[in-house]
């Protein structure tokens, strides 16, 4: 993002009641915080043995790619980066749903062919 665009976003942020703005696209992104954000508790202030696996896009969830084994079933062990399913958006290639850590699939919240929203929890992994 170029400096004039960034300044424009920062000025806009001051006119809202937001205290923090995070934007990610692929491997790049930005985080902006206002002075009020320092008073807010950090978002990762607790730890849990359960890790949510969320939808990377809006679309239809499929439990596996054609010809691939289904890894997103309760009780199965997974490694960090394993593909637990995919979200088909209808535009381009499907978005892989990857395990953020190694562990065991503790809970499945979605069935194949069902619509999902960006950021919707699809699974809970229990850290291994």
Protein backbone atom coordinates (compact mmCIF):
# COMPACT_ATOMS: atom_id res chain seq x y z
CA UNK A 1 0.00 0.00 0.00
CA UNK A 2 1.36 3.41 -0.92
CA UNK A 3 1.85 6.15 1.69
CA UNK A 4 -1.04 8.40 0.54
CA UNK A 5 -3.43 5.43 0.65
CA UNK A 6 -2.17 4.42 4.08
CA UNK A 7 -2.62 7.98 5.40
CA UNK A 8 -6.15 8.01 4.02
CA UNK A 9 -6.97 4.75 5.81
CA UNK A 10 -5.44 6.04 9.06
CA UNK A 11 -7.54 9.24 8.86
CA UNK A 12 -10.67 7.20 8.19
CA UNK A 13 -9.88 4.94 11.18
CA UNK A 14 -9.87 8.01 13.45
CA UNK A 15 -13.46 8.81 12.39
CA UNK A 16 -14.76 5.39 13.50
CA UNK A 17 -15.16 3.66 16.84
CA UNK A 18 -12.66 1.00 15.76
CA UNK A 19 -9.50 0.66 17.83
CA UNK A 20 -7.74 -1.85 15.61
CA UNK A 21 -7.77 -2.76 11.93
CA UNK A 22 -6.08 -5.85 10.50
CA UNK A 23 -5.93 -6.67 6.79
CA UNK A 24 -4.32 -9.73 5.24
CA UNK A 25 -4.09 -10.74 1.60
CA UNK A 26 -1.90 -13.73 0.90
CA UNK A 27 1.46 -13.24 2.55
CA UNK A 28 1.14 -9.46 2.95
CA UNK A 29 -1.02 -7.25 5.10
CA UNK A 30 -1.11 -4.50 7.68
CA UNK A 31 -2.27 -3.79 11.22
CA UNK A 32 -3.29 -0.35 12.48
CA UNK A 33 -4.12 0.52 16.08
CA UNK A 34 -5.38 3.71 17.67
CA UNK A 35 -4.27 4.99 21.07
CA UNK A 36 -7.35 3.35 22.62
CA UNK A 37 -6.07 -0.07 21.50
CA UNK A 38 -3.35 0.06 24.16
CA UNK A 39 -6.04 0.09 26.86
CA UNK A 40 -7.76 -2.97 25.39
CA UNK A 41 -6.53 -6.40 26.51
CA UNK A 42 -4.49 -8.30 23.93
CA UNK A 43 -6.63 -10.58 21.77
CA UNK A 44 -4.44 -13.62 22.51
CA UNK A 45 -4.43 -13.14 26.28
CA UNK A 46 -5.40 -16.73 27.02
CA UNK A 47 -4.21 -20.08 25.85
CA UNK A 48 -6.27 -23.12 25.13
CA UNK A 49 -5.48 -26.61 24.08
CA UNK A 50 -8.15 -26.21 21.38
CA UNK A 51 -7.34 -24.33 18.19
CA UNK A 52 -10.10 -23.22 15.79
CA UNK A 53 -9.72 -23.92 12.08
CA UNK A 54 -11.69 -21.26 10.22
CA UNK A 55 -12.97 -20.88 6.66
CA UNK A 56 -10.45 -19.00 4.47
CA UNK A 57 -13.18 -17.71 2.12
CA UNK A 58 -16.93 -17.53 1.48
CA UNK A 59 -18.23 -20.49 -0.50
CA UNK A 60 -19.17 -24.16 -0.24
CA UNK A 61 -17.18 -26.45 2.03
CA UNK A 62 -15.98 -29.76 0.62
CA UNK A 63 -14.38 -32.28 3.02
CA UNK A 64 -11.64 -33.26 0.56
CA UNK A 65 -10.34 -32.68 -2.92
CA UNK A 66 -11.28 -35.35 -5.46
CA UNK A 67 -8.99 -38.35 -4.98
CA UNK A 68 -7.64 -37.14 -1.61
CA UNK A 69 -8.28 -38.82 1.76
CA UNK A 70 -10.64 -37.14 4.20
CA UNK A 71 -8.55 -35.84 7.14
CA UNK A 72 -11.14 -33.61 8.80
CA UNK A 73 -12.92 -36.29 10.82
CA UNK A 74 -13.23 -36.29 14.60
CA UNK A 75 -10.49 -38.25 16.34
CA UNK A 76 -8.02 -38.26 13.43
CA UNK A 77 -4.46 -37.06 14.01
CA UNK A 78 -3.25 -34.25 11.74
CA UNK A 79 0.03 -32.44 11.18
CA UNK A 80 0.48 -28.71 10.77
CA UNK A 81 -0.36 -27.79 7.18
CA UNK A 82 -2.50 -30.86 6.46
CA UNK A 83 -5.50 -30.07 4.26
CA UNK A 84 -8.72 -30.69 6.21
CA UNK A 85 -11.01 -29.69 3.37
CA UNK A 86 -11.52 -26.93 0.85
CA UNK A 87 -13.84 -24.00 0.23
CA UNK A 88 -15.07 -23.69 -3.34
CA UNK A 89 -15.86 -20.10 -4.24
CA UNK A 90 -16.85 -20.57 -7.86
CA UNK A 91 -14.07 -18.22 -8.90
CA UNK A 92 -10.72 -19.81 -9.60
CA UNK A 93 -9.08 -22.54 -7.58
CA UNK A 94 -10.63 -23.78 -4.29
CA UNK A 95 -9.17 -22.45 -1.03
CA UNK A 96 -7.53 -25.14 1.08
CA UNK A 97 -8.53 -25.40 4.75
CA UNK A 98 -5.25 -26.23 6.50
CA UNK A 99 -4.46 -27.37 10.02
CA UNK A 100 -2.71 -24.47 11.83
CA UNK A 101 -0.94 -26.90 14.17
CA UNK A 102 -0.39 -30.60 14.77
CA UNK A 103 -2.90 -32.43 16.92
CA UNK A 104 -6.17 -34.29 16.80
CA UNK A 105 -9.48 -33.22 15.24
CA UNK A 106 -11.58 -32.71 18.37
CA UNK A 107 -14.78 -31.36 16.78
CA UNK A 108 -16.22 -30.94 13.28
CA UNK A 109 -18.79 -28.16 12.83
CA UNK A 110 -19.49 -28.45 9.08
CA UNK A 111 -20.76 -30.99 6.57
CA UNK A 112 -19.67 -31.32 2.96
CA UNK A 113 -21.58 -29.16 0.48
CA UNK A 114 -22.71 -26.64 3.10
CA UNK A 115 -22.17 -22.87 2.65
CA UNK A 116 -19.58 -21.17 4.88
CA UNK A 117 -18.66 -17.58 5.70
CA UNK A 118 -15.14 -16.18 5.88
CA UNK A 119 -13.71 -16.80 9.37
CA UNK A 120 -16.42 -19.29 10.35
CA UNK A 121 -15.03 -22.05 12.62
CA UNK A 122 -15.12 -25.37 10.77
CA UNK A 123 -13.10 -27.55 13.18
CA UNK A 124 -11.47 -27.49 16.58
CA UNK A 125 -8.08 -29.16 16.85
CA UNK A 126 -6.70 -30.36 20.15
CA UNK A 127 -3.01 -29.55 20.25
CA UNK A 128 -0.83 -32.63 20.12
